[in-house]
Amino acid sequence: MIIVTGATGFIGSNLLAELELRQYKGLVAVDSFGVEGKWRNISKRIFPYLVSPQDIDSFIESNVQKIKAIIHLGGISSTTENNVDSIVENNIKLTIRLYEFCKNNHIRFIYASSASTYGDGGKGYIDSDDIEYLNQLSPLNPYAWSKNYVDKYISYDRYVNKNKSLSVGLKFFNVYGPNEYHKGLQASVIFHFFLQMLQNNTVNLFKSNCADFKDGQQKRDFVYVRDCVDVIIWMLEHQEIIGLFNVGTGCASSFLEVVESIKRACHIECKIHYIDMPEKLKKHYQNFTEANLMKLRSVGYTKEFTSLEAGISQYVNEFLNKKNKRYEPNYI
């Protein structure tokens, strides 16, 4: 069995599609469907098992001998979520329970960390699992704090407690691509810019809140979801690799560059409208992110990441279909 939590979500549904395409057997989808239309993300899949999140503990205990790996992508992914109790339950306690189960039973454990753990980037974007380095990071919101908490917990357990585990954490940068349609405000800027361009011929960009960046020149490392899936499956197939790893392109792009790429993909001209950044975002906002990929490359991952131009072109033209100022998305 390969268990995937967050299976109806953005990365999870793309992962399941690729695992199915590569003919992996014994796939287990763990998630709640909610009311956001997430069911469409897996409407083309065929699973031996569908498991509710509240049943995950009993399910894994009952099937311990059959489980090859747990890929944990579930939890609260909103960077603006302010219910910290909920974040603790879903992002910290559940992750630690799954980690401990896998450690005690010598099962591969792959979990989603985040580039948000780097905060304002003052300590760099180095995917070290050294506990002192992780302690120096200053996440800007509860979601990022929860991810850093888990990174520290597992690193402490490995290097201080000397416990062995087959665990790997993946620090995803700004992921975009098909099946993110249910995410609302948390969907990628590529998705939102496309809709604004299609509907209004205008794209809203935040004015800069930092003197080091001009308006529209804030930069992020935008990584195509299919590249993230490739890394996850590579880690699944290389169980000797453990630790924390960045998953990004290694090349930051400005929001203006993103707009230009979408314009070329859509063959649409548009205006840029700069708007004030909401006060509640200012203290949580990352003006720059860029993955350092030296560690990932050093363990043998050689596949090239999709360029921003190529990723946006495929996303727009193959998945974000435009008809009469509306879009009709395709699903993986």
C-alpha atoms as a PDB file:
ATOM      1  CA  MET A   1       0.000   0.000   0.000  1.00  0.00           C
ATOM      2  CA  ILE A   2       0.992   3.584  -0.654  1.00  0.00           C
ATOM      3  CA  ILE A   3      -1.064   5.944   1.476  1.00  0.00           C
ATOM      4  CA  VAL A   4      -1.521   9.536   0.300  1.00  0.00           C
ATOM      5  CA  THR A   5      -3.094  12.034   2.685  1.00  0.00           C
ATOM      6  CA  GLY A   6      -4.529  15.239   1.242  1.00  0.00           C
ATOM      7  CA  ALA A   7      -5.428  13.055  -1.735  1.00  0.00           C
ATOM      8  CA  THR A   8      -8.208  15.280  -3.085  1.00  0.00           C
ATOM      9  CA  GLY A   9      -6.102  18.415  -2.772  1.00  0.00           C
ATOM     10  CA  PHE A  10      -3.847  20.163  -5.240  1.00  0.00           C
ATOM     11  CA  ILE A  11      -0.549  18.281  -5.039  1.00  0.00           C
ATOM     12  CA  GLY A  12      -2.142  15.086  -3.733  1.00  0.00           C
ATOM     13  CA  SER A  13      -4.498  14.640  -6.677  1.00  0.00           C
ATOM     14  CA  ASN A  14      -1.690  15.279  -9.166  1.00  0.00           C
ATOM     15  CA  LEU A  15       0.449  12.730  -7.342  1.00  0.00           C
ATOM     16  CA  LEU A  16      -2.266  10.074  -7.429  1.00  0.00           C
ATOM     17  CA  ALA A  17      -2.780  10.625 -11.149  1.00  0.00           C
ATOM     18  CA  GLU A  18       0.920  10.092 -11.839  1.00  0.00           C
ATOM     19  CA  LEU A  19       1.181   7.061  -9.546  1.00  0.00           C
ATOM     20  CA  GLU A  20      -1.768   5.539 -11.352  1.00  0.00           C
ATOM     21  CA  LEU A  21      -0.192   6.347 -14.725  1.00  0.00           C
ATOM     22  CA  ARG A  22       3.024   4.614 -13.631  1.00  0.00           C
ATOM     23  CA  GLN A  23       0.939   1.604 -12.578  1.00  0.00           C
ATOM     24  CA  TYR A  24       1.596   1.714  -8.848  1.00  0.00           C
ATOM     25  CA  LYS A  25      -0.749  -0.638  -7.030  1.00  0.00           C
ATOM     26  CA  GLY A  26      -2.447  -0.464  -3.633  1.00  0.00           C
ATOM     27  CA  LEU A  27      -3.079   3.285  -3.610  1.00  0.00           C
ATOM     28  CA  VAL A  28      -4.963   4.622  -0.599  1.00  0.00           C
ATOM     29  CA  ALA A  29      -6.564   8.075  -0.766  1.00  0.00           C
ATOM     30  CA  VAL A  30      -7.038   9.825   2.581  1.00  0.00           C
ATOM     31  CA  ASP A  31      -8.945  13.102   2.667  1.00  0.00           C
ATOM     32  CA  SER A  32     -12.205  14.879   3.353  1.00  0.00           C
ATOM     33  CA  PHE A  33     -14.086  16.139   0.325  1.00  0.00           C
ATOM     34  CA  GLY A  34     -15.706  19.248   1.807  1.00  0.00           C
ATOM     35  CA  VAL A  35     -17.886  21.499  -0.307  1.00  0.00           C
ATOM     36  CA  GLU A  36     -15.236  23.145  -2.512  1.00  0.00           C
ATOM     37  CA  GLY A  37     -15.605  20.750  -5.428  1.00  0.00           C
ATOM     38  CA  LYS A  38     -12.438  18.829  -4.576  1.00  0.00           C
ATOM     39  CA  TRP A  39     -14.138  15.600  -5.639  1.00  0.00           C
ATOM     40  CA  ARG A  40     -13.514  16.660  -9.240  1.00  0.00           C
ATOM     41  CA  ASN A  41      -9.774  16.487  -8.609  1.00  0.00           C
ATOM     42  CA  ILE A  42      -9.970  12.701  -8.286  1.00  0.00           C
ATOM     43  CA  SER A  43     -13.030  12.013 -10.434  1.00  0.00           C
ATOM     44  CA  LYS A  44     -10.854  10.197 -12.990  1.00  0.00           C
ATOM     45  CA  ARG A  45      -9.053   8.011 -10.452  1.00  0.00           C
ATOM     46  CA  ILE A  46      -9.729   4.420  -9.420  1.00  0.00           C
ATOM     47  CA  PHE A  47      -8.789   3.496  -5.840  1.00  0.00           C
ATOM     48  CA  PRO A  48      -8.870   0.279  -3.838  1.00  0.00           C
ATOM     49  CA  TYR A  49      -9.396   2.399  -0.710  1.00  0.00           C
ATOM     50  CA  LEU A  50     -10.925   5.745   0.251  1.00  0.00           C
ATOM     51  CA  VAL A  51     -10.261   6.630   3.878  1.00  0.00           C
ATOM     52  CA  SER A  52     -11.617   9.532   5.935  1.00  0.00           C
ATOM     53  CA  PRO A  53      -9.011  11.513   7.908  1.00  0.00           C
ATOM     54  CA  GLN A  54     -10.671  10.601  11.211  1.00  0.00           C
ATOM     55  CA  ASP A  55     -10.121   6.920  10.385  1.00  0.00           C
ATOM     56  CA  ILE A  56      -6.458   7.167   9.397  1.00  0.00           C
ATOM     57  CA  ASP A  57      -5.032   6.019  12.752  1.00  0.00           C
ATOM     58  CA  SER A  58      -7.130   2.867  12.949  1.00  0.00           C
ATOM     59  CA  PHE A  59      -6.601   2.156   9.246  1.00  0.00           C
ATOM     60  CA  ILE A  60      -2.815   2.198   9.386  1.00  0.00           C
ATOM     61  CA  GLU A  61      -2.727   0.130  12.578  1.00  0.00           C
ATOM     62  CA  SER A  62      -4.943  -2.486  10.929  1.00  0.00           C
ATOM     63  CA  ASN A  63      -2.832  -2.607   7.764  1.00  0.00           C
ATOM     64  CA  VAL A  64       0.693  -2.121   9.080  1.00  0.00           C
ATOM     65  CA  GLN A  65       2.110  -5.167   7.292  1.00  0.00           C
ATOM     66  CA  LYS A  66       0.816  -3.982   3.915  1.00  0.00           C
ATOM     67  CA  ILE A  67       2.024  -0.370   3.978  1.00  0.00           C
ATOM     68  CA  LYS A  68       5.038   0.505   1.833  1.00  0.00           C
ATOM     69  CA  ALA A  69       4.937   4.279   2.334  1.00  0.00           C
ATOM     70  CA  ILE A  70       2.894   7.157   3.716  1.00  0.00           C
ATOM     71  CA  ILE A  71       3.028  10.372   1.700  1.00  0.00           C
ATOM     72  CA  HIS A  72       1.581  13.036   3.964  1.00  0.00           C
ATOM     73  CA  LEU A  73       0.276  16.047   2.022  1.00  0.00           C
ATOM     74  CA  GLY A  74      -2.828  16.672   4.130  1.00  0.00           C
ATOM     75  CA  GLY A  75      -3.478  19.415   6.655  1.00  0.00           C
ATOM     76  CA  ILE A  76      -4.265  23.120   6.684  1.00  0.00           C
ATOM     77  CA  SER A  77      -2.430  24.836   3.827  1.00  0.00           C
ATOM     78  CA  SER A  78      -3.697  28.393   4.204  1.00  0.00           C
ATOM     79  CA  THR A  79      -0.981  30.878   5.128  1.00  0.00           C
ATOM     80  CA  THR A  80      -3.665  33.230   6.490  1.00  0.00           C
ATOM     81  CA  GLU A  81      -5.362  30.684   8.783  1.00  0.00           C
ATOM     82  CA  ASN A  82      -5.461  32.132  12.310  1.00  0.00           C
ATOM     83  CA  ASN A  83      -7.074  29.248  14.218  1.00  0.00           C
ATOM     84  CA  VAL A  84      -3.855  28.007  15.751  1.00  0.00           C
ATOM     85  CA  ASP A  85      -5.547  25.199  17.692  1.00  0.00           C
ATOM     86  CA  SER A  86      -6.779  23.751  14.412  1.00  0.00           C
ATOM     87  CA  ILE A  87      -3.325  24.141  12.857  1.00  0.00           C
ATOM     88  CA  VAL A  88      -1.745  22.336  15.804  1.00  0.00           C
ATOM     89  CA  GLU A  89      -4.177  19.419  15.522  1.00  0.00           C
ATOM     90  CA  ASN A  90      -3.991  19.066  11.741  1.00  0.00           C
ATOM     91  CA  ASN A  91      -0.451  20.116  10.869  1.00  0.00           C
ATOM     92  CA  ILE A  92       1.566  19.162  13.929  1.00  0.00           C
ATOM     93  CA  LYS A  93      -0.064  16.405  15.959  1.00  0.00           C
ATOM     94  CA  LEU A  94      -1.278  14.353  12.994  1.00  0.00           C
ATOM     95  CA  THR A  95       2.069  14.646  11.205  1.00  0.00           C
ATOM     96  CA  ILE A  96       3.965  13.559  14.307  1.00  0.00           C
ATOM     97  CA  ARG A  97       1.654  10.578  14.836  1.00  0.00           C
ATOM     98  CA  LEU A  98       2.210   9.435  11.261  1.00  0.00           C
ATOM     99  CA  TYR A  99       5.958   9.988  11.571  1.00  0.00           C
ATOM    100  CA  GLU A 100       6.148   7.965  14.784  1.00  0.00           C
ATOM    101  CA  PHE A 101       4.095   5.153  13.247  1.00  0.00           C
ATOM    102  CA  CYS A 102       6.386   4.985  10.224  1.00  0.00           C
ATOM    103  CA  LYS A 103       9.537   5.204  12.334  1.00  0.00           C
ATOM    104  CA  ASN A 104       8.430   2.396  14.638  1.00  0.00           C
ATOM    105  CA  ASN A 105       7.464   0.171  11.713  1.00  0.00           C
ATOM    106  CA  HIS A 106      10.343   0.990   9.326  1.00  0.00           C
ATOM    107  CA  ILE A 107       8.013   2.511   6.727  1.00  0.00           C
ATOM    108  CA  ARG A 108       8.944   5.267   4.274  1.00  0.00           C
ATOM    109  CA  PHE A 109       7.482   8.640   5.365  1.00  0.00           C
ATOM    110  CA  ILE A 110       7.411  11.599   2.961  1.00  0.00           C
ATOM    111  CA  TYR A 111       5.796  14.790   4.224  1.00  0.00           C
ATOM    112  CA  ALA A 112       5.124  18.280   2.924  1.00  0.00           C
ATOM    113  CA  SER A 113       7.114  21.030   4.555  1.00  0.00           C
ATOM    114  CA  SER A 114       7.154  24.529   3.065  1.00  0.00           C
ATOM    115  CA  ALA A 115       9.371  27.368   1.900  1.00  0.00           C
ATOM    116  CA  SER A 116       7.281  29.577   4.181  1.00  0.00           C
ATOM    117  CA  THR A 117       9.421  28.244   7.045  1.00  0.00           C
ATOM    118  CA  TYR A 118      12.220  30.530   5.811  1.00  0.00           C
ATOM    119  CA  GLY A 119      10.274  33.634   6.835  1.00  0.00           C
ATOM    120  CA  ASP A 120      11.721  36.782   5.300  1.00  0.00           C
ATOM    121  CA  GLY A 121      14.711  34.847   3.985  1.00  0.00           C
ATOM    122  CA  GLY A 122      17.143  36.518   6.343  1.00  0.00           C
ATOM    123  CA  LYS A 123      18.790  33.181   7.103  1.00  0.00           C
ATOM    124  CA  GLY A 124      18.812  32.110   3.474  1.00  0.00           C
ATOM    125  CA  TYR A 125      16.951  29.298   1.736  1.00  0.00           C
ATOM    126  CA  ILE A 126      19.228  26.443   2.725  1.00  0.00           C
ATOM    127  CA  ASP A 127      17.409  23.155   3.294  1.00  0.00           C
ATOM    128  CA  SER A 128      19.586  22.136   6.208  1.00  0.00           C
ATOM    129  CA  ASP A 129      18.069  19.881   8.847  1.00  0.00           C
ATOM    130  CA  ASP A 130      20.586  21.040  11.428  1.00  0.00           C
ATOM    131  CA  ILE A 131      18.539  21.759  14.535  1.00  0.00           C
ATOM    132  CA  GLU A 132      20.417  24.981  15.332  1.00  0.00           C
ATOM    133  CA  TYR A 133      19.746  26.342  11.852  1.00  0.00           C
ATOM    134  CA  LEU A 134      16.064  25.387  12.013  1.00  0.00           C
ATOM    135  CA  ASN A 135      15.813  27.176  15.359  1.00  0.00           C
ATOM    136  CA  GLN A 136      17.135  30.370  13.777  1.00  0.00           C
ATOM    137  CA  LEU A 137      14.345  30.536  11.192  1.00  0.00           C
ATOM    138  CA  SER A 138      11.513  32.974  11.901  1.00  0.00           C
ATOM    139  CA  PRO A 139       8.275  31.891  10.188  1.00  0.00           C
ATOM    140  CA  LEU A 140       5.853  34.747   9.519  1.00  0.00           C
ATOM    141  CA  ASN A 141       2.517  33.000  10.180  1.00  0.00           C
ATOM    142  CA  PRO A 142       1.038  30.078  12.145  1.00  0.00           C
ATOM    143  CA  TYR A 143       1.003  27.791   9.104  1.00  0.00           C
ATOM    144  CA  ALA A 144       4.726  28.312   8.502  1.00  0.00           C
ATOM    145  CA  TRP A 145       5.447  27.904  12.221  1.00  0.00           C
ATOM    146  CA  SER A 146       3.653  24.547  12.218  1.00  0.00           C
ATOM    147  CA  LYS A 147       5.767  23.306   9.319  1.00  0.00           C
ATOM    148  CA  ASN A 148       8.984  24.429  10.989  1.00  0.00           C
ATOM    149  CA  TYR A 149       7.862  22.800  14.240  1.00  0.00           C
ATOM    150  CA  VAL A 150       7.566  19.421  12.519  1.00  0.00           C
ATOM    151  CA  ASP A 151      10.907  19.874  10.730  1.00  0.00           C
ATOM    152  CA  LYS A 152      12.553  20.539  14.093  1.00  0.00           C
ATOM    153  CA  TYR A 153      10.779  17.654  15.812  1.00  0.00           C
ATOM    154  CA  ILE A 154      11.952  15.119  13.238  1.00  0.00           C
ATOM    155  CA  SER A 155      15.480  16.537  13.055  1.00  0.00           C
ATOM    156  CA  TYR A 156      15.785  16.516  16.851  1.00  0.00           C
ATOM    157  CA  ASP A 157      14.548  12.942  16.958  1.00  0.00           C
ATOM    158  CA  ARG A 158      17.077  11.903  14.313  1.00  0.00           C
ATOM    159  CA  TYR A 159      20.194  13.735  15.447  1.00  0.00           C
ATOM    160  CA  VAL A 160      19.729  14.208  19.197  1.00  0.00           C
ATOM    161  CA  ASN A 161      17.648  11.176  20.149  1.00  0.00           C
ATOM    162  CA  LYS A 162      19.554   9.125  17.539  1.00  0.00           C
ATOM    163  CA  ASN A 163      16.360   7.486  16.287  1.00  0.00           C
ATOM    164  CA  LYS A 164      16.494   6.102  12.772  1.00  0.00           C
ATOM    165  CA  SER A 165      13.648   6.704  10.351  1.00  0.00           C
ATOM    166  CA  LEU A 166      12.994   6.576   6.618  1.00  0.00           C
ATOM    167  CA  SER A 167      11.582  10.096   6.590  1.00  0.00           C
ATOM    168  CA  VAL A 168      12.030  12.950   4.152  1.00  0.00           C
ATOM    169  CA  GLY A 169      10.522  16.446   4.263  1.00  0.00           C
ATOM    170  CA  LEU A 170       9.977  18.459   1.084  1.00  0.00           C
ATOM    171  CA  LYS A 171      10.025  22.247   1.310  1.00  0.00           C
ATOM    172  CA  PHE A 172       7.707  23.213  -1.532  1.00  0.00           C
ATOM    173  CA  PHE A 173       8.067  26.734  -2.888  1.00  0.00           C
ATOM    174  CA  ASN A 174       5.256  28.508  -4.820  1.00  0.00           C
ATOM    175  CA  VAL A 175       3.454  25.641  -6.532  1.00  0.00           C
ATOM    176  CA  TYR A 176       1.049  26.222  -9.430  1.00  0.00           C
ATOM    177  CA  GLY A 177      -0.794  24.091 -11.945  1.00  0.00           C
ATOM    178  CA  PRO A 178      -3.919  22.000 -12.618  1.00  0.00           C
ATOM    179  CA  ASN A 179      -6.307  20.958  -9.834  1.00  0.00           C
ATOM    180  CA  GLU A 180      -5.743  24.049  -7.699  1.00  0.00           C
ATOM    181  CA  TYR A 181      -9.134  25.456  -8.739  1.00  0.00           C
ATOM    182  CA  HIS A 182     -10.810  24.734  -5.378  1.00  0.00           C
ATOM    183  CA  LYS A 183      -8.277  26.719  -3.342  1.00  0.00           C
ATOM    184  CA  GLY A 184      -9.932  30.124  -3.653  1.00  0.00           C
ATOM    185  CA  LEU A 185      -7.687  32.932  -2.435  1.00  0.00           C
ATOM    186  CA  GLN A 186      -4.939  30.410  -1.679  1.00  0.00           C
ATOM    187  CA  ALA A 187      -4.642  29.384  -5.337  1.00  0.00           C
ATOM    188  CA  SER A 188      -1.502  30.497  -7.154  1.00  0.00           C
ATOM    189  CA  VAL A 189      -1.111  33.989  -8.576  1.00  0.00           C
ATOM    190  CA  ILE A 190      -0.880  32.370 -12.013  1.00  0.00           C
ATOM    191  CA  PHE A 191      -4.453  31.145 -11.618  1.00  0.00           C
ATOM    192  CA  HIS A 192      -5.712  34.487 -10.286  1.00  0.00           C
ATOM    193  CA  PHE A 193      -3.864  36.596 -12.849  1.00  0.00           C
ATOM    194  CA  PHE A 194      -5.297  34.441 -15.638  1.00  0.00           C
ATOM    195  CA  LEU A 195      -8.859  34.990 -14.399  1.00  0.00           C
ATOM    196  CA  GLN A 196      -8.355  38.744 -13.976  1.00  0.00           C
ATOM    197  CA  MET A 197      -6.834  39.015 -17.433  1.00  0.00           C
ATOM    198  CA  LEU A 198      -9.642  37.021 -18.995  1.00  0.00           C
ATOM    199  CA  GLN A 199     -12.476  38.849 -17.265  1.00  0.00           C
ATOM    200  CA  ASN A 200     -11.217  42.426 -16.993  1.00  0.00           C
ATOM    201  CA  ASN A 201      -8.108  42.766 -19.177  1.00  0.00           C
ATOM    202  CA  THR A 202      -6.489  44.083 -16.010  1.00  0.00           C
ATOM    203  CA  VAL A 203      -4.211  42.416 -13.466  1.00  0.00           C
ATOM    204  CA  ASN A 204      -3.983  43.693  -9.894  1.00  0.00           C
ATOM    205  CA  LEU A 205      -0.527  43.635  -8.334  1.00  0.00           C
ATOM    206  CA  PHE A 206       0.353  44.629  -4.799  1.00  0.00           C
ATOM    207  CA  LYS A 207       2.421  47.756  -4.393  1.00  0.00           C
ATOM    208  CA  SER A 208       5.733  46.959  -2.798  1.00  0.00           C
ATOM    209  CA  ASN A 209       5.932  47.214   0.981  1.00  0.00           C
ATOM    210  CA  CYS A 210       9.729  47.072   0.924  1.00  0.00           C
ATOM    211  CA  ALA A 211      12.188  49.677  -0.337  1.00  0.00           C
ATOM    212  CA  ASP A 212      14.366  46.926  -1.822  1.00  0.00           C
ATOM    213  CA  PHE A 213      11.694  45.987  -4.364  1.00  0.00           C
ATOM    214  CA  LYS A 214       9.886  48.146  -6.899  1.00  0.00           C
ATOM    215  CA  ASP A 215       6.184  47.593  -7.522  1.00  0.00           C
ATOM    216  CA  GLY A 216       5.711  44.305  -9.364  1.00  0.00           C
ATOM    217  CA  GLN A 217       9.339  43.280  -8.843  1.00  0.00           C
ATOM    218  CA  GLN A 218       8.710  41.137  -5.794  1.00  0.00           C
ATOM    219  CA  LYS A 219      10.001  37.683  -6.690  1.00  0.00           C
ATOM    220  CA  ARG A 220       9.018  34.108  -5.920  1.00  0.00           C
ATOM    221  CA  ASP A 221      10.252  30.706  -6.983  1.00  0.00           C
ATOM    222  CA  PHE A 222       7.254  29.379  -8.929  1.00  0.00           C
ATOM    223  CA  VAL A 223       7.378  25.607  -9.390  1.00  0.00           C
ATOM    224  CA  TYR A 224       5.070  23.551 -11.604  1.00  0.00           C
ATOM    225  CA  VAL A 225       3.078  20.936  -9.698  1.00  0.00           C
ATOM    226  CA  ARG A 226       4.211  18.146 -12.015  1.00  0.00           C
ATOM    227  CA  ASP A 227       7.816  18.815 -11.002  1.00  0.00           C
ATOM    228  CA  CYS A 228       6.803  18.467  -7.354  1.00  0.00           C
ATOM    229  CA  VAL A 229       5.172  15.130  -8.152  1.00  0.00           C
ATOM    230  CA  ASP A 230       8.330  13.932  -9.913  1.00  0.00           C
ATOM    231  CA  VAL A 231      10.411  14.716  -6.827  1.00  0.00           C
ATOM    232  CA  ILE A 232       7.949  12.939  -4.517  1.00  0.00           C
ATOM    233  CA  ILE A 233       7.977   9.780  -6.627  1.00  0.00           C
ATOM    234  CA  TRP A 234      11.774   9.894  -6.913  1.00  0.00           C
ATOM    235  CA  MET A 235      11.961  10.042  -3.119  1.00  0.00           C
ATOM    236  CA  LEU A 236       9.504   7.152  -2.933  1.00  0.00           C
ATOM    237  CA  GLU A 237      11.834   5.106  -5.126  1.00  0.00           C
ATOM    238  CA  HIS A 238      15.015   6.129  -3.263  1.00  0.00           C
ATOM    239  CA  GLN A 239      14.269   5.219   0.325  1.00  0.00           C
ATOM    240  CA  GLU A 240      17.896   5.575   1.339  1.00  0.00           C
ATOM    241  CA  ILE A 241      17.551   9.369   0.993  1.00  0.00           C
ATOM    242  CA  ILE A 242      16.507  11.102   4.230  1.00  0.00           C
ATOM    243  CA  GLY A 243      16.362  14.680   5.508  1.00  0.00           C
ATOM    244  CA  LEU A 244      14.928  17.997   4.333  1.00  0.00           C
ATOM    245  CA  PHE A 245      14.977  19.136   0.705  1.00  0.00           C
ATOM    246  CA  ASN A 246      13.906  22.254  -1.171  1.00  0.00           C
ATOM    247  CA  VAL A 247      11.534  21.745  -4.097  1.00  0.00           C
ATOM    248  CA  GLY A 248      11.601  24.750  -6.416  1.00  0.00           C
ATOM    249  CA  THR A 249      13.196  25.710  -9.711  1.00  0.00           C
ATOM    250  CA  GLY A 250      16.135  27.532  -8.181  1.00  0.00           C
ATOM    251  CA  CYS A 251      15.199  30.628 -10.192  1.00  0.00           C
ATOM    252  CA  ALA A 252      13.026  33.424  -8.782  1.00  0.00           C
ATOM    253  CA  SER A 253      10.666  35.307 -11.119  1.00  0.00           C
ATOM    254  CA  SER A 254       8.950  38.638 -10.565  1.00  0.00           C
ATOM    255  CA  PHE A 255       5.192  39.059 -10.614  1.00  0.00           C
ATOM    256  CA  LEU A 256       5.575  41.230 -13.708  1.00  0.00           C
ATOM    257  CA  GLU A 257       7.397  38.367 -15.433  1.00  0.00           C
ATOM    258  CA  VAL A 258       4.508  36.073 -14.509  1.00  0.00           C
ATOM    259  CA  VAL A 259       2.012  38.485 -16.069  1.00  0.00           C
ATOM    260  CA  GLU A 260       4.059  38.683 -19.264  1.00  0.00           C
ATOM    261  CA  SER A 261       4.221  34.878 -19.506  1.00  0.00           C
ATOM    262  CA  ILE A 262       0.451  34.577 -19.109  1.00  0.00           C
ATOM    263  CA  LYS A 263      -0.109  37.276 -21.739  1.00  0.00           C
ATOM    264  CA  ARG A 264       2.014  35.360 -24.210  1.00  0.00           C
ATOM    265  CA  ALA A 265       0.257  32.079 -23.420  1.00  0.00           C
ATOM    266  CA  CYS A 266      -3.209  33.636 -23.776  1.00  0.00           C
ATOM    267  CA  HIS A 267      -2.406  36.038 -26.616  1.00  0.00           C
ATOM    268  CA  ILE A 268      -4.127  38.739 -24.566  1.00  0.00           C
ATOM    269  CA  GLU A 269      -3.015  42.274 -23.736  1.00  0.00           C
ATOM    270  CA  CYS A 270      -3.828  43.690 -20.325  1.00  0.00           C
ATOM    271  CA  LYS A 271      -3.252  46.622 -18.028  1.00  0.00           C
ATOM    272  CA  ILE A 272      -1.425  46.495 -14.696  1.00  0.00           C
ATOM    273  CA  HIS A 273      -3.176  48.057 -11.717  1.00  0.00           C
ATOM    274  CA  TYR A 274      -1.154  48.465  -8.539  1.00  0.00           C
ATOM    275  CA  ILE A 275      -3.136  48.194  -5.314  1.00  0.00           C
ATOM    276  CA  ASP A 276      -2.216  48.685  -1.670  1.00  0.00           C
ATOM    277  CA  MET A 277      -1.295  45.564   0.221  1.00  0.00           C
ATOM    278  CA  PRO A 278      -3.803  44.769   3.003  1.00  0.00           C
ATOM    279  CA  GLU A 279      -2.415  45.580   6.430  1.00  0.00           C
ATOM    280  CA  LYS A 280      -2.959  42.023   7.661  1.00  0.00           C
ATOM    281  CA  LEU A 281      -0.661  40.702   4.913  1.00  0.00           C
ATOM    282  CA  LYS A 282       2.224  43.121   5.322  1.00  0.00           C
ATOM    283  CA  LYS A 283       3.853  41.416   8.293  1.00  0.00           C
ATOM    284  CA  HIS A 284       3.395  37.951   6.735  1.00  0.00           C
ATOM    285  CA  TYR A 285       4.508  38.783   3.185  1.00  0.00           C
ATOM    286  CA  GLN A 286       7.549  37.200   1.551  1.00  0.00           C
ATOM    287  CA  ASN A 287       9.012  39.599  -1.020  1.00  0.00           C
ATOM    288  CA  PHE A 288      11.559  37.094  -2.290  1.00  0.00           C
ATOM    289  CA  THR A 289      11.950  33.318  -2.324  1.00  0.00           C
ATOM    290  CA  GLU A 290      14.359  31.154  -4.294  1.00  0.00           C
ATOM    291  CA  ALA A 291      15.152  27.505  -3.705  1.00  0.00           C
ATOM    292  CA  ASN A 292      18.733  26.434  -3.167  1.00  0.00           C
ATOM    293  CA  LEU A 293      18.855  23.061  -4.965  1.00  0.00           C
ATOM    294  CA  MET A 294      22.414  22.031  -4.132  1.00  0.00           C
ATOM    295  CA  LYS A 295      21.320  19.449  -1.569  1.00  0.00           C
ATOM    296  CA  LEU A 296      18.700  17.877  -3.836  1.00  0.00           C
ATOM    297  CA  ARG A 297      21.208  17.654  -6.678  1.00  0.00           C
ATOM    298  CA  SER A 298      23.877  16.239  -4.368  1.00  0.00           C
ATOM    299  CA  VAL A 299      21.778  13.157  -3.565  1.00  0.00           C
ATOM    300  CA  GLY A 300      21.325  12.337  -7.232  1.00  0.00           C
ATOM    301  CA  TYR A 301      18.176  14.096  -8.437  1.00  0.00           C
ATOM    302  CA  THR A 302      19.057  15.193 -11.970  1.00  0.00           C
ATOM    303  CA  LYS A 303      15.768  15.960 -13.715  1.00  0.00           C
ATOM    304  CA  GLU A 304      15.422  19.556 -14.884  1.00  0.00           C
ATOM    305  CA  PHE A 305      12.586  21.684 -13.555  1.00  0.00           C
ATOM    306  CA  THR A 306      10.025  23.199 -15.902  1.00  0.00           C
ATOM    307  CA  SER A 307      10.716  26.832 -16.793  1.00  0.00           C
ATOM    308  CA  LEU A 308       8.123  29.423 -15.807  1.00  0.00           C
ATOM    309  CA  GLU A 309       7.349  30.143 -19.462  1.00  0.00           C
ATOM    310  CA  ALA A 310       6.832  26.464 -20.350  1.00  0.00           C
ATOM    311  CA  GLY A 311       4.846  25.688 -17.207  1.00  0.00           C
ATOM    312  CA  ILE A 312       2.478  28.616 -17.629  1.00  0.00           C
ATOM    313  CA  SER A 313       2.012  27.843 -21.317  1.00  0.00           C
ATOM    314  CA  GLN A 314       0.997  24.251 -20.587  1.00  0.00           C
ATOM    315  CA  TYR A 315      -1.195  25.209 -17.623  1.00  0.00           C
ATOM    316  CA  VAL A 316      -3.054  27.906 -19.538  1.00  0.00           C
ATOM    317  CA  ASN A 317      -3.444  26.099 -22.845  1.00  0.00           C
ATOM    318  CA  GLU A 318      -4.130  22.570 -21.630  1.00  0.00           C
ATOM    319  CA  PHE A 319      -6.036  23.165 -18.404  1.00  0.00           C
ATOM    320  CA  LEU A 320      -7.435  26.709 -18.159  1.00  0.00           C
ATOM    321  CA  ASN A 321      -9.718  26.725 -21.174  1.00  0.00           C
ATOM    322  CA  LYS A 322     -11.191  30.123 -21.976  1.00  0.00           C
ATOM    323  CA  LYS A 323     -14.657  30.488 -23.481  1.00  0.00           C
ATOM    324  CA  ASN A 324     -16.704  33.688 -23.605  1.00  0.00           C
ATOM    325  CA  LYS A 325     -14.793  35.366 -20.788  1.00  0.00           C
ATOM    326  CA  ARG A 326     -15.253  32.271 -18.635  1.00  0.00           C
ATOM    327  CA  TYR A 327     -12.951  29.387 -17.971  1.00  0.00           C
ATOM    328  CA  GLU A 328     -13.780  25.689 -17.992  1.00  0.00           C
ATOM    329  CA  PRO A 329     -10.908  23.912 -16.258  1.00  0.00           C
ATOM    330  CA  ASN A 330      -9.608  20.510 -17.201  1.00  0.00           C
ATOM    331  CA  TYR A 331      -8.672  18.121 -14.417  1.00  0.00           C
ATOM    332  CA  ILE A 332      -5.745  15.735 -14.263  1.00  0.00           C
END
